[in-house]
Amino acid sequence: MTSTAGTATRAAAPEPLCHPGPVLPDRVVSLETRLVTHEVELPAGARLLDALGDVLVRFCAAGAVGRLVGGSLAEFDYYIPALGPPGGSVATFSEPIPGGRNGRLRLGGVTLGHRDGEVFAHSHALFDTALGERRAGHLIPDSVVLGRGVTAHVAVSADVRYDVTPDPETTMSLFEPRRVVPGPADRGEPIGRRAIVCRVRPNVDLPTTIERLTEQQGWTGARVHGQIGSIIGGRLRQPDGSILVVEGPATEVMYLDGEVRRVDGRMTADLTAGLVDRFGGIHHGGLVCGMNPVAMTYELALAESDPIG
């Protein structure tokens, strides 16, 4: 499926979005933590929310970020981005789109937190329908029943979790990280990699923010774990050096791969993303620094990487 976006060898950053609510001064909410990574095959026949909730219980975790890889989806529905109503949110969701039965999950990002005291998941994914059609979108968590072979690659935190809270700027309810008291099993010597769990607010450039946060932590580099959010359209570098310009206002990020390393004296992010636009078009490429501001929110997690050499 394609969109109306084209390519250009020169591209400008998109114009900032004007959201209906007040612009909050703190543009990045960031909490230090430790992240421990796990790989878990989710049980066939289970609801996605139930299976992911069991992952939190199994590892005594407050919250988790990561990705879902491979396997089948027995049942699922999804959204794609859509324009918001006049006078309301800049962007919203389409009407639910039936995914049908026996779809194939390719790859998706997931944030696992809580809403109204219950486990809740935010997931954008790339998948194939039973007819073999490649699609992508925002999985509706209550609708997803797992088939065989879906694997969760998660990084869990014992003392930071994402809670769904009203956001006055966008007038939407969005995940925001909060400090919690770790359980008794997690009160000993800290384990896992040093990390930060963040929420990046609208109109803040995502690649630049990732570089800045890594520098501020004093790390030699970082690995990106948080996969989920939206950017204003998208500016993606292609293998031939051209830049693919994706139409906004809000394009959902399905996955974000990459690392941050010091290159020629400065932190430099090398990030590859998969996006789905409001036409259902699917796009892949390298995020161009300075040209990919957040649209509504981004649920970011960074973990310290090993020094080179």
C-alpha atoms as a PDB file:
ATOM      1  CA  MET A   1       0.000   0.000   0.000  1.00  0.00           C
ATOM      2  CA  THR A   2       1.373   3.419  -0.901  1.00  0.00           C
ATOM      3  CA  SER A   3       0.596   6.988   0.041  1.00  0.00           C
ATOM      4  CA  THR A   4       0.697  10.292  -1.799  1.00  0.00           C
ATOM      5  CA  ALA A   5       4.114  11.151  -0.357  1.00  0.00           C
ATOM      6  CA  GLY A   6       7.070  11.490  -2.732  1.00  0.00           C
ATOM      7  CA  THR A   7      10.826  11.666  -2.448  1.00  0.00           C
ATOM      8  CA  ALA A   8      13.185  14.606  -2.533  1.00  0.00           C
ATOM      9  CA  THR A   9      16.940  15.001  -2.310  1.00  0.00           C
ATOM     10  CA  ARG A  10      16.387  18.173  -0.268  1.00  0.00           C
ATOM     11  CA  ALA A  11      13.708  18.426   2.382  1.00  0.00           C
ATOM     12  CA  ALA A  12      12.758  20.932   5.046  1.00  0.00           C
ATOM     13  CA  ALA A  13      11.579  20.131   8.532  1.00  0.00           C
ATOM     14  CA  PRO A  14       7.777  20.154   8.886  1.00  0.00           C
ATOM     15  CA  GLU A  15       5.966  23.095  10.427  1.00  0.00           C
ATOM     16  CA  PRO A  16       5.174  22.682  14.143  1.00  0.00           C
ATOM     17  CA  LEU A  17       1.681  21.523  15.026  1.00  0.00           C
ATOM     18  CA  CYS A  18      -0.641  23.895  16.854  1.00  0.00           C
ATOM     19  CA  HIS A  19      -2.391  21.812  19.504  1.00  0.00           C
ATOM     20  CA  PRO A  20      -5.608  23.005  21.170  1.00  0.00           C
ATOM     21  CA  GLY A  21      -4.295  23.063  24.742  1.00  0.00           C
ATOM     22  CA  PRO A  22      -1.567  24.924  26.658  1.00  0.00           C
ATOM     23  CA  VAL A  23       2.067  24.241  25.811  1.00  0.00           C
ATOM     24  CA  LEU A  24       3.643  22.733  28.903  1.00  0.00           C
ATOM     25  CA  PRO A  25       7.161  23.962  29.735  1.00  0.00           C
ATOM     26  CA  ASP A  26       8.653  20.526  30.420  1.00  0.00           C
ATOM     27  CA  ARG A  27       8.996  19.094  26.910  1.00  0.00           C
ATOM     28  CA  VAL A  28      10.660  15.837  27.913  1.00  0.00           C
ATOM     29  CA  VAL A  29       9.649  13.857  30.998  1.00  0.00           C
ATOM     30  CA  SER A  30      12.604  11.619  31.885  1.00  0.00           C
ATOM     31  CA  LEU A  31      13.089   9.172  34.769  1.00  0.00           C
ATOM     32  CA  GLU A  32      16.232   7.190  35.519  1.00  0.00           C
ATOM     33  CA  THR A  33      15.860   3.462  36.060  1.00  0.00           C
ATOM     34  CA  ARG A  34      17.397   0.093  35.230  1.00  0.00           C
ATOM     35  CA  LEU A  35      16.160  -2.023  32.333  1.00  0.00           C
ATOM     36  CA  VAL A  36      16.402  -5.808  32.163  1.00  0.00           C
ATOM     37  CA  THR A  37      15.716  -7.492  28.822  1.00  0.00           C
ATOM     38  CA  HIS A  38      13.724 -10.700  28.333  1.00  0.00           C
ATOM     39  CA  GLU A  39      12.454 -12.731  25.393  1.00  0.00           C
ATOM     40  CA  VAL A  40       9.129 -14.518  25.912  1.00  0.00           C
ATOM     41  CA  GLU A  41       6.930 -16.517  23.539  1.00  0.00           C
ATOM     42  CA  LEU A  42       3.336 -15.480  24.196  1.00  0.00           C
ATOM     43  CA  PRO A  43       0.692 -18.214  24.542  1.00  0.00           C
ATOM     44  CA  ALA A  44      -1.548 -18.986  21.584  1.00  0.00           C
ATOM     45  CA  GLY A  45      -5.223 -18.370  22.254  1.00  0.00           C
ATOM     46  CA  ALA A  46      -4.598 -15.679  24.862  1.00  0.00           C
ATOM     47  CA  ARG A  47      -5.686 -12.075  24.602  1.00  0.00           C
ATOM     48  CA  LEU A  48      -2.684  -9.847  23.972  1.00  0.00           C
ATOM     49  CA  LEU A  49      -3.387  -7.760  27.089  1.00  0.00           C
ATOM     50  CA  ASP A  50      -3.619 -10.830  29.303  1.00  0.00           C
ATOM     51  CA  ALA A  51      -0.409 -12.308  27.912  1.00  0.00           C
ATOM     52  CA  LEU A  52       1.518  -9.066  28.365  1.00  0.00           C
ATOM     53  CA  GLY A  53       0.103  -8.606  31.859  1.00  0.00           C
ATOM     54  CA  ASP A  54       1.451 -12.048  32.723  1.00  0.00           C
ATOM     55  CA  VAL A  55       4.882 -10.901  31.514  1.00  0.00           C
ATOM     56  CA  LEU A  56       4.835  -8.060  34.053  1.00  0.00           C
ATOM     57  CA  VAL A  57       3.870 -10.453  36.842  1.00  0.00           C
ATOM     58  CA  ARG A  58       6.461 -13.038  35.825  1.00  0.00           C
ATOM     59  CA  PHE A  59       9.327 -10.556  36.017  1.00  0.00           C
ATOM     60  CA  CYS A  60       7.965  -8.489  38.949  1.00  0.00           C
ATOM     61  CA  ALA A  61       7.996  -5.473  36.635  1.00  0.00           C
ATOM     62  CA  ALA A  62       6.210  -2.148  36.920  1.00  0.00           C
ATOM     63  CA  GLY A  63       6.347  -1.446  33.188  1.00  0.00           C
ATOM     64  CA  ALA A  64       7.962  -2.552  29.967  1.00  0.00           C
ATOM     65  CA  VAL A  65       8.869  -1.414  26.473  1.00  0.00           C
ATOM     66  CA  GLY A  66       9.944  -3.439  23.475  1.00  0.00           C
ATOM     67  CA  ARG A  67       8.615  -5.209  20.429  1.00  0.00           C
ATOM     68  CA  LEU A  68       6.443  -8.059  19.232  1.00  0.00           C
ATOM     69  CA  VAL A  69       7.977 -10.289  16.569  1.00  0.00           C
ATOM     70  CA  GLY A  70       6.612 -12.972  14.262  1.00  0.00           C
ATOM     71  CA  GLY A  71       3.850 -15.494  14.689  1.00  0.00           C
ATOM     72  CA  SER A  72       0.162 -15.320  13.907  1.00  0.00           C
ATOM     73  CA  LEU A  73      -2.776 -13.208  15.052  1.00  0.00           C
ATOM     74  CA  ALA A  74      -5.927 -15.271  15.445  1.00  0.00           C
ATOM     75  CA  GLU A  75      -8.124 -12.160  15.629  1.00  0.00           C
ATOM     76  CA  PHE A  76      -7.368  -8.432  15.591  1.00  0.00           C
ATOM     77  CA  ASP A  77      -8.616  -4.981  14.678  1.00  0.00           C
ATOM     78  CA  TYR A  78      -6.551  -1.852  14.181  1.00  0.00           C
ATOM     79  CA  TYR A  79      -6.576   1.891  13.504  1.00  0.00           C
ATOM     80  CA  ILE A  80      -4.529   4.091  11.221  1.00  0.00           C
ATOM     81  CA  PRO A  81      -3.901   7.811  11.897  1.00  0.00           C
ATOM     82  CA  ALA A  82      -6.564  10.312  10.874  1.00  0.00           C
ATOM     83  CA  LEU A  83      -7.128  14.064  10.895  1.00  0.00           C
ATOM     84  CA  GLY A  84      -8.701  15.395  14.068  1.00  0.00           C
ATOM     85  CA  PRO A  85     -12.061  17.205  14.138  1.00  0.00           C
ATOM     86  CA  PRO A  86     -12.190  21.018  13.719  1.00  0.00           C
ATOM     87  CA  GLY A  87     -11.336  22.680  17.018  1.00  0.00           C
ATOM     88  CA  GLY A  88     -10.259  19.381  18.576  1.00  0.00           C
ATOM     89  CA  SER A  89      -7.142  17.259  18.591  1.00  0.00           C
ATOM     90  CA  VAL A  90      -4.834  17.771  15.614  1.00  0.00           C
ATOM     91  CA  ALA A  91      -4.870  14.041  14.892  1.00  0.00           C
ATOM     92  CA  THR A  92      -6.932  11.075  15.956  1.00  0.00           C
ATOM     93  CA  PHE A  93      -7.661   7.493  14.886  1.00  0.00           C
ATOM     94  CA  SER A  94      -9.575   6.153  11.940  1.00  0.00           C
ATOM     95  CA  GLU A  95     -12.638   4.019  12.468  1.00  0.00           C
ATOM     96  CA  PRO A  96     -11.653   0.489  13.564  1.00  0.00           C
ATOM     97  CA  ILE A  97     -10.439  -1.619  10.648  1.00  0.00           C
ATOM     98  CA  PRO A  98     -11.125  -5.360  10.903  1.00  0.00           C
ATOM     99  CA  GLY A  99      -7.911  -7.316  10.599  1.00  0.00           C
ATOM    100  CA  GLY A 100      -9.855 -10.530  10.252  1.00  0.00           C
ATOM    101  CA  ARG A 101      -8.551 -13.901  11.295  1.00  0.00           C
ATOM    102  CA  ASN A 102      -5.248 -15.673  10.852  1.00  0.00           C
ATOM    103  CA  GLY A 103      -3.088 -12.645  10.168  1.00  0.00           C
ATOM    104  CA  ARG A 104       0.707 -12.784  10.286  1.00  0.00           C
ATOM    105  CA  LEU A 105       2.559 -10.440  12.607  1.00  0.00           C
ATOM    106  CA  ARG A 106       5.778  -9.147  11.111  1.00  0.00           C
ATOM    107  CA  LEU A 107       7.080  -6.649  13.648  1.00  0.00           C
ATOM    108  CA  GLY A 108       5.637  -4.181  16.093  1.00  0.00           C
ATOM    109  CA  GLY A 109       6.574  -1.931  18.975  1.00  0.00           C
ATOM    110  CA  VAL A 110       4.835  -2.129  22.333  1.00  0.00           C
ATOM    111  CA  THR A 111       4.658  -0.079  25.523  1.00  0.00           C
ATOM    112  CA  LEU A 112       3.176  -1.852  28.519  1.00  0.00           C
ATOM    113  CA  GLY A 113       1.708   0.193  31.355  1.00  0.00           C
ATOM    114  CA  HIS A 114      -1.569   0.853  33.148  1.00  0.00           C
ATOM    115  CA  ARG A 115      -4.881   2.605  32.549  1.00  0.00           C
ATOM    116  CA  ASP A 116      -7.380   3.082  35.375  1.00  0.00           C
ATOM    117  CA  GLY A 117      -5.378   0.636  37.472  1.00  0.00           C
ATOM    118  CA  GLU A 118      -5.473  -2.138  34.866  1.00  0.00           C
ATOM    119  CA  VAL A 119      -2.736  -3.369  32.539  1.00  0.00           C
ATOM    120  CA  PHE A 120      -2.856  -1.590  29.200  1.00  0.00           C
ATOM    121  CA  ALA A 121      -0.735  -1.854  26.056  1.00  0.00           C
ATOM    122  CA  HIS A 122       0.085   0.572  23.258  1.00  0.00           C
ATOM    123  CA  SER A 123       1.219  -1.227  20.109  1.00  0.00           C
ATOM    124  CA  HIS A 124       1.876  -0.223  16.500  1.00  0.00           C
ATOM    125  CA  ALA A 125       2.609  -3.119  14.174  1.00  0.00           C
ATOM    126  CA  LEU A 126       3.350  -4.318  10.660  1.00  0.00           C
ATOM    127  CA  PHE A 127       1.340  -7.378   9.638  1.00  0.00           C
ATOM    128  CA  ASP A 128      -0.127  -9.382   6.764  1.00  0.00           C
ATOM    129  CA  THR A 129      -3.808 -10.200   6.437  1.00  0.00           C
ATOM    130  CA  ALA A 130      -5.009 -13.748   5.764  1.00  0.00           C
ATOM    131  CA  LEU A 131      -5.059 -12.769   2.075  1.00  0.00           C
ATOM    132  CA  GLY A 132      -1.374 -11.850   2.192  1.00  0.00           C
ATOM    133  CA  GLU A 133      -1.918  -8.074   2.031  1.00  0.00           C
ATOM    134  CA  ARG A 134       0.741  -6.063   3.881  1.00  0.00           C
ATOM    135  CA  ARG A 135      -0.820  -3.601   6.329  1.00  0.00           C
ATOM    136  CA  ALA A 136       0.198  -1.593   9.386  1.00  0.00           C
ATOM    137  CA  GLY A 137      -1.444   0.341  12.164  1.00  0.00           C
ATOM    138  CA  HIS A 138      -2.312   0.794  15.809  1.00  0.00           C
ATOM    139  CA  LEU A 139      -3.464  -2.541  17.236  1.00  0.00           C
ATOM    140  CA  ILE A 140      -6.651  -2.205  19.304  1.00  0.00           C
ATOM    141  CA  PRO A 141      -5.452  -4.050  22.412  1.00  0.00           C
ATOM    142  CA  ASP A 142      -8.793  -5.501  23.521  1.00  0.00           C
ATOM    143  CA  SER A 143      -9.339  -7.003  20.058  1.00  0.00           C
ATOM    144  CA  VAL A 144      -6.122  -8.988  19.690  1.00  0.00           C
ATOM    145  CA  VAL A 145      -6.194 -12.755  20.218  1.00  0.00           C
ATOM    146  CA  LEU A 146      -2.809 -14.362  19.722  1.00  0.00           C
ATOM    147  CA  GLY A 147      -2.019 -17.251  17.441  1.00  0.00           C
ATOM    148  CA  ARG A 148       1.136 -19.333  17.615  1.00  0.00           C
ATOM    149  CA  GLY A 149       4.684 -18.055  17.646  1.00  0.00           C
ATOM    150  CA  VAL A 150       4.386 -14.403  18.736  1.00  0.00           C
ATOM    151  CA  THR A 151       7.490 -13.428  20.714  1.00  0.00           C
ATOM    152  CA  ALA A 152       7.779 -10.423  23.016  1.00  0.00           C
ATOM    153  CA  HIS A 153      11.227  -8.847  23.318  1.00  0.00           C
ATOM    154  CA  VAL A 154      10.831  -6.572  26.325  1.00  0.00           C
ATOM    155  CA  ALA A 155      12.937  -4.360  28.559  1.00  0.00           C
ATOM    156  CA  VAL A 156      11.335  -4.181  32.000  1.00  0.00           C
ATOM    157  CA  SER A 157      11.668  -1.693  34.846  1.00  0.00           C
ATOM    158  CA  ALA A 158      10.980  -2.382  38.518  1.00  0.00           C
ATOM    159  CA  ASP A 159      10.412   1.233  39.549  1.00  0.00           C
ATOM    160  CA  VAL A 160       9.084   3.151  36.515  1.00  0.00           C
ATOM    161  CA  ARG A 161       5.811   2.476  34.765  1.00  0.00           C
ATOM    162  CA  TYR A 162       3.737   4.206  32.104  1.00  0.00           C
ATOM    163  CA  ASP A 163       0.273   5.368  33.212  1.00  0.00           C
ATOM    164  CA  VAL A 164      -2.422   6.681  30.862  1.00  0.00           C
ATOM    165  CA  THR A 165      -3.194  10.250  31.946  1.00  0.00           C
ATOM    166  CA  PRO A 166      -5.151  13.155  30.421  1.00  0.00           C
ATOM    167  CA  ASP A 167      -2.865  15.415  28.407  1.00  0.00           C
ATOM    168  CA  PRO A 168      -4.092  19.033  28.357  1.00  0.00           C
ATOM    169  CA  GLU A 169      -1.920  20.057  25.386  1.00  0.00           C
ATOM    170  CA  THR A 170      -3.221  17.500  22.897  1.00  0.00           C
ATOM    171  CA  THR A 171      -6.544  16.858  24.732  1.00  0.00           C
ATOM    172  CA  MET A 172      -5.852  13.125  24.457  1.00  0.00           C
ATOM    173  CA  SER A 173      -5.154  10.495  27.108  1.00  0.00           C
ATOM    174  CA  LEU A 174      -1.528   9.408  26.739  1.00  0.00           C
ATOM    175  CA  PHE A 175       1.103   7.286  28.464  1.00  0.00           C
ATOM    176  CA  GLU A 176       3.430   9.158  30.831  1.00  0.00           C
ATOM    177  CA  PRO A 177       6.194   7.579  32.951  1.00  0.00           C
ATOM    178  CA  ARG A 178       5.801   7.659  36.735  1.00  0.00           C
ATOM    179  CA  ARG A 179       8.015   6.552  39.596  1.00  0.00           C
ATOM    180  CA  VAL A 180       6.637   3.674  41.663  1.00  0.00           C
ATOM    181  CA  VAL A 181       7.908   1.773  44.691  1.00  0.00           C
ATOM    182  CA  PRO A 182       9.519  -1.487  43.563  1.00  0.00           C
ATOM    183  CA  GLY A 183       8.244  -4.770  44.926  1.00  0.00           C
ATOM    184  CA  PRO A 184      10.082  -6.591  47.738  1.00  0.00           C
ATOM    185  CA  ALA A 185      11.921  -8.818  45.254  1.00  0.00           C
ATOM    186  CA  ASP A 186      13.479  -5.750  43.582  1.00  0.00           C
ATOM    187  CA  ARG A 187      14.749  -3.865  46.633  1.00  0.00           C
ATOM    188  CA  GLY A 188      18.209  -5.392  46.734  1.00  0.00           C
ATOM    189  CA  GLU A 189      21.241  -4.551  44.640  1.00  0.00           C
ATOM    190  CA  PRO A 190      20.053  -2.977  41.345  1.00  0.00           C
ATOM    191  CA  ILE A 191      20.306  -5.153  38.259  1.00  0.00           C
ATOM    192  CA  GLY A 192      20.079  -4.366  34.572  1.00  0.00           C
ATOM    193  CA  ARG A 193      21.508  -1.597  32.468  1.00  0.00           C
ATOM    194  CA  ARG A 194      21.342   2.030  33.463  1.00  0.00           C
ATOM    195  CA  ALA A 195      18.503   3.574  31.522  1.00  0.00           C
ATOM    196  CA  ILE A 196      15.991   6.382  31.206  1.00  0.00           C
ATOM    197  CA  VAL A 197      12.290   6.084  30.455  1.00  0.00           C
ATOM    198  CA  CYS A 198      10.767   9.180  28.867  1.00  0.00           C
ATOM    199  CA  ARG A 199       7.800  10.849  27.318  1.00  0.00           C
ATOM    200  CA  VAL A 200       8.674  13.325  24.549  1.00  0.00           C
ATOM    201  CA  ARG A 201       6.040  16.009  23.971  1.00  0.00           C
ATOM    202  CA  PRO A 202       4.904  17.526  20.646  1.00  0.00           C
ATOM    203  CA  ASN A 203       7.129  19.535  18.300  1.00  0.00           C
ATOM    204  CA  VAL A 204      10.371  18.254  19.858  1.00  0.00           C
ATOM    205  CA  ASP A 205      12.745  16.656  17.349  1.00  0.00           C
ATOM    206  CA  LEU A 206      13.087  12.982  18.206  1.00  0.00           C
ATOM    207  CA  PRO A 207      16.613  12.163  16.903  1.00  0.00           C
ATOM    208  CA  THR A 208      18.081  15.341  18.414  1.00  0.00           C
ATOM    209  CA  THR A 209      16.427  14.570  21.744  1.00  0.00           C
ATOM    210  CA  ILE A 210      17.841  11.043  21.760  1.00  0.00           C
ATOM    211  CA  GLU A 211      21.344  12.437  21.188  1.00  0.00           C
ATOM    212  CA  ARG A 212      20.940  15.108  23.876  1.00  0.00           C
ATOM    213  CA  LEU A 213      19.593  12.723  26.513  1.00  0.00           C
ATOM    214  CA  THR A 214      22.454  10.289  25.925  1.00  0.00           C
ATOM    215  CA  GLU A 215      24.974  13.117  26.307  1.00  0.00           C
ATOM    216  CA  GLN A 216      23.305  14.380  29.488  1.00  0.00           C
ATOM    217  CA  GLN A 217      23.499  10.937  31.086  1.00  0.00           C
ATOM    218  CA  GLY A 218      27.258  10.889  30.573  1.00  0.00           C
ATOM    219  CA  TRP A 219      27.132   7.591  28.717  1.00  0.00           C
ATOM    220  CA  THR A 220      29.470   6.578  25.900  1.00  0.00           C
ATOM    221  CA  GLY A 221      26.415   5.466  23.921  1.00  0.00           C
ATOM    222  CA  ALA A 222      22.856   4.207  24.147  1.00  0.00           C
ATOM    223  CA  ARG A 223      20.506   1.653  22.656  1.00  0.00           C
ATOM    224  CA  VAL A 224      16.937   2.626  21.797  1.00  0.00           C
ATOM    225  CA  HIS A 225      14.253   0.444  23.404  1.00  0.00           C
ATOM    226  CA  GLY A 226      11.123   2.631  23.297  1.00  0.00           C
ATOM    227  CA  GLN A 227       9.395   1.974  19.978  1.00  0.00           C
ATOM    228  CA  ILE A 228       6.039   3.755  20.069  1.00  0.00           C
ATOM    229  CA  GLY A 229       4.848   7.256  19.211  1.00  0.00           C
ATOM    230  CA  SER A 230       4.065   9.601  16.352  1.00  0.00           C
ATOM    231  CA  ILE A 231       6.013  12.165  14.364  1.00  0.00           C
ATOM    232  CA  ILE A 232       4.911  15.031  12.119  1.00  0.00           C
ATOM    233  CA  GLY A 233       4.805  13.270   8.773  1.00  0.00           C
ATOM    234  CA  GLY A 234       8.329  11.939   8.461  1.00  0.00           C
ATOM    235  CA  ARG A 235      11.670  12.586   6.793  1.00  0.00           C
ATOM    236  CA  LEU A 236      13.361   9.268   6.022  1.00  0.00           C
ATOM    237  CA  ARG A 237      16.739   8.867   4.369  1.00  0.00           C
ATOM    238  CA  GLN A 238      16.711   6.226   1.634  1.00  0.00           C
ATOM    239  CA  PRO A 239      19.568   3.937   0.517  1.00  0.00           C
ATOM    240  CA  ASP A 240      20.259   6.161  -2.524  1.00  0.00           C
ATOM    241  CA  GLY A 241      20.698   9.237  -0.289  1.00  0.00           C
ATOM    242  CA  SER A 242      17.350  10.817  -1.140  1.00  0.00           C
ATOM    243  CA  ILE A 243      14.886  11.807   1.575  1.00  0.00           C
ATOM    244  CA  LEU A 244      11.386  10.392   1.567  1.00  0.00           C
ATOM    245  CA  VAL A 245       8.872  13.025   2.710  1.00  0.00           C
ATOM    246  CA  VAL A 246       5.813  11.501   4.393  1.00  0.00           C
ATOM    247  CA  GLU A 247       2.655  13.590   4.683  1.00  0.00           C
ATOM    248  CA  GLY A 248       1.388  14.425   8.191  1.00  0.00           C
ATOM    249  CA  PRO A 249       0.094  15.699  10.436  1.00  0.00           C
ATOM    250  CA  ALA A 250       0.645  12.575  12.541  1.00  0.00           C
ATOM    251  CA  THR A 251       2.434   9.461  11.318  1.00  0.00           C
ATOM    252  CA  GLU A 252       2.699   6.482  13.650  1.00  0.00           C
ATOM    253  CA  VAL A 253       6.066   4.889  14.399  1.00  0.00           C
ATOM    254  CA  MET A 254       5.832   1.075  14.289  1.00  0.00           C
ATOM    255  CA  TYR A 255       9.430   0.447  15.297  1.00  0.00           C
ATOM    256  CA  LEU A 256      12.620   2.385  15.925  1.00  0.00           C
ATOM    257  CA  ASP A 257      15.982   0.632  15.667  1.00  0.00           C
ATOM    258  CA  GLY A 258      19.314   2.134  16.411  1.00  0.00           C
ATOM    259  CA  GLU A 259      22.092   3.316  18.635  1.00  0.00           C
ATOM    260  CA  VAL A 260      23.738   6.533  19.711  1.00  0.00           C
ATOM    261  CA  ARG A 261      27.528   6.780  19.622  1.00  0.00           C
ATOM    262  CA  ARG A 262      30.079   9.545  19.837  1.00  0.00           C
ATOM    263  CA  VAL A 263      31.289  10.386  16.340  1.00  0.00           C
ATOM    264  CA  ASP A 264      33.886  13.131  15.781  1.00  0.00           C
ATOM    265  CA  GLY A 265      33.333  14.437  19.289  1.00  0.00           C
ATOM    266  CA  ARG A 266      29.529  14.562  19.369  1.00  0.00           C
ATOM    267  CA  MET A 267      26.734  12.142  20.123  1.00  0.00           C
ATOM    268  CA  THR A 268      25.252  10.902  16.851  1.00  0.00           C
ATOM    269  CA  ALA A 269      22.097   8.828  16.518  1.00  0.00           C
ATOM    270  CA  ASP A 270      21.820   6.219  13.763  1.00  0.00           C
ATOM    271  CA  LEU A 271      18.102   5.408  13.719  1.00  0.00           C
ATOM    272  CA  THR A 272      15.946   3.372  11.337  1.00  0.00           C
ATOM    273  CA  ALA A 273      12.162   3.606  11.565  1.00  0.00           C
ATOM    274  CA  GLY A 274       9.033   2.098  10.088  1.00  0.00           C
ATOM    275  CA  LEU A 275       6.036   4.421   9.736  1.00  0.00           C
ATOM    276  CA  VAL A 276       2.377   4.193   8.779  1.00  0.00           C
ATOM    277  CA  ASP A 277       0.679   7.350   7.490  1.00  0.00           C
ATOM    278  CA  ARG A 278      -2.956   8.483   7.492  1.00  0.00           C
ATOM    279  CA  PHE A 279      -3.539   6.883   4.093  1.00  0.00           C
ATOM    280  CA  GLY A 280      -2.349   3.491   5.342  1.00  0.00           C
ATOM    281  CA  GLY A 281       0.952   3.881   3.476  1.00  0.00           C
ATOM    282  CA  ILE A 282       3.969   2.081   4.932  1.00  0.00           C
ATOM    283  CA  HIS A 283       7.417   3.701   4.875  1.00  0.00           C
ATOM    284  CA  HIS A 284      10.900   2.695   6.038  1.00  0.00           C
ATOM    285  CA  GLY A 285      14.177   4.580   6.265  1.00  0.00           C
ATOM    286  CA  GLY A 286      16.663   6.452   8.428  1.00  0.00           C
ATOM    287  CA  LEU A 287      15.319   9.250  10.623  1.00  0.00           C
ATOM    288  CA  VAL A 288      16.921  12.527   9.534  1.00  0.00           C
ATOM    289  CA  CYS A 289      18.149  14.508  12.536  1.00  0.00           C
ATOM    290  CA  GLY A 290      16.430  17.878  12.950  1.00  0.00           C
ATOM    291  CA  MET A 291      13.538  16.935  10.645  1.00  0.00           C
ATOM    292  CA  ASN A 292      11.424  14.509  12.685  1.00  0.00           C
ATOM    293  CA  PRO A 293       9.596  16.305  15.485  1.00  0.00           C
ATOM    294  CA  VAL A 294       7.074  14.460  17.627  1.00  0.00           C
ATOM    295  CA  ALA A 295       3.428  14.945  16.638  1.00  0.00           C
ATOM    296  CA  MET A 296       1.410  13.843  19.693  1.00  0.00           C
ATOM    297  CA  THR A 297       3.764  11.891  21.952  1.00  0.00           C
ATOM    298  CA  TYR A 298       6.704   9.509  21.936  1.00  0.00           C
ATOM    299  CA  GLU A 299       7.298   6.796  24.536  1.00  0.00           C
ATOM    300  CA  LEU A 300      11.091   6.647  24.577  1.00  0.00           C
ATOM    301  CA  ALA A 301      13.421   4.383  26.525  1.00  0.00           C
ATOM    302  CA  LEU A 302      17.208   4.438  26.258  1.00  0.00           C
ATOM    303  CA  ALA A 303      19.653   2.018  27.867  1.00  0.00           C
ATOM    304  CA  GLU A 304      23.375   2.562  28.251  1.00  0.00           C
ATOM    305  CA  SER A 305      25.376   0.590  25.711  1.00  0.00           C
ATOM    306  CA  ASP A 306      28.787  -0.982  26.167  1.00  0.00           C
ATOM    307  CA  PRO A 307      31.827   1.159  25.327  1.00  0.00           C
ATOM    308  CA  ILE A 308      33.445   0.441  21.967  1.00  0.00           C
ATOM    309  CA  GLY A 309      36.831  -1.211  22.214  1.00  0.00           C
END
